[in-house]
Amino acid sequence: MNKSVIVYGPQGCGKTLNARRIAKHFGLARIEDDYTGGRVRATGTLYLTNLTRAEIDPYDMLRRAVAYADLPAAVRMHA
């Protein structure tokens, strides 16, 4: 997969801690933490955010946006 993925969830849930594992799961090469909204421009990038699904730019919802809690347990486990 070469498209970008936005992973959202509350602060402290483990997004940053498991960022490399999440990026590998989706086949992404880059990681951008603290996505604050606006258009996702780079392809092949994992964007991590504390925004809720409703706060993510509707344009970017056309891309893949996944709740951290919905990721497989093997991806969410601590490094």
Protein backbone atom coordinates (compact mmCIF):
# COMPACT_ATOMS: atom_id res chain seq x y z
CA MET A 1 0.00 0.00 0.00
CA ASN A 2 1.41 3.38 -0.93
CA LYS A 3 -1.43 5.58 0.32
CA SER A 4 -1.26 7.45 3.58
CA VAL A 5 -3.04 6.28 6.72
CA ILE A 6 -4.26 8.40 9.63
CA VAL A 7 -4.33 6.62 12.99
CA TYR A 8 -6.28 8.48 15.64
CA GLY A 9 -6.77 7.93 19.34
CA PRO A 10 -6.52 9.64 22.71
CA GLN A 11 -3.23 10.91 24.07
CA GLY A 12 -1.27 8.20 25.85
CA CYS A 13 -2.94 5.23 24.14
CA GLY A 14 0.30 4.01 22.50
CA LYS A 15 0.25 5.46 18.98
CA THR A 16 3.75 6.94 19.13
CA LEU A 17 5.18 4.04 21.13
CA ASN A 18 4.05 1.59 18.44
CA ALA A 19 4.48 3.89 15.41
CA ARG A 20 7.09 1.74 13.66
CA ARG A 21 5.02 -1.39 14.11
CA ILE A 22 1.89 0.39 12.81
CA ALA A 23 3.75 1.80 9.78
CA LYS A 24 5.10 -1.66 8.95
CA HIS A 25 1.59 -3.14 9.28
CA PHE A 26 0.31 -0.73 6.62
CA GLY A 27 3.47 -0.86 4.46
CA LEU A 28 4.30 2.81 5.02
CA ALA A 29 7.79 4.29 4.95
CA ARG A 30 7.31 7.62 6.77
CA ILE A 31 5.82 8.54 10.14
CA GLU A 32 4.45 11.96 11.06
CA ASP A 33 3.39 12.42 14.65
CA ASP A 34 1.06 15.14 15.94
CA TYR A 35 -1.08 15.53 12.81
CA THR A 36 -3.32 18.51 13.60
CA GLY A 37 -5.63 18.50 10.62
CA GLY A 38 -5.55 19.87 7.15
CA ARG A 39 -4.85 17.95 4.02
CA VAL A 40 -2.57 14.95 4.04
CA ARG A 41 -0.09 15.61 1.26
CA ALA A 42 2.59 12.92 1.39
CA THR A 43 1.85 9.41 0.21
CA GLY A 44 3.25 6.41 2.01
CA THR A 45 3.03 8.23 5.34
CA LEU A 46 1.55 7.19 8.67
CA TYR A 47 -0.06 10.18 10.38
CA LEU A 48 -0.68 9.93 14.13
CA THR A 49 -3.21 12.25 15.77
CA ASN A 50 -5.16 12.92 18.94
CA LEU A 51 -8.04 14.30 16.88
CA THR A 52 -11.35 12.44 16.95
CA ARG A 53 -12.78 10.93 13.79
CA ALA A 54 -15.21 13.86 13.54
CA GLU A 55 -12.35 16.39 13.74
CA ILE A 56 -10.34 14.90 10.89
CA ASP A 57 -10.68 16.86 7.66
CA PRO A 58 -13.47 15.25 5.60
CA TYR A 59 -11.18 15.27 2.55
CA ASP A 60 -8.72 13.13 4.44
CA MET A 61 -11.46 10.72 5.50
CA LEU A 62 -11.43 9.61 1.87
CA ARG A 63 -8.04 8.19 2.73
CA ARG A 64 -7.79 5.48 5.32
CA ALA A 65 -8.43 6.69 8.88
CA VAL A 66 -8.23 4.03 11.57
CA ALA A 67 -8.86 4.21 15.30
CA TYR A 68 -5.86 3.00 17.29
CA ALA A 69 -8.17 0.74 19.31
CA ASP A 70 -9.30 -0.98 16.07
CA LEU A 71 -5.77 -2.05 15.08
CA PRO A 72 -4.90 -5.73 15.59
CA ALA A 73 -3.60 -6.51 19.09
CA ALA A 74 -0.23 -7.63 17.66
CA VAL A 75 0.28 -4.14 16.25
CA ARG A 76 -0.82 -2.38 19.45
CA MET A 77 1.40 -4.33 21.86
CA HIS A 78 4.21 -2.39 23.46
CA ALA A 79 7.70 -2.66 21.98
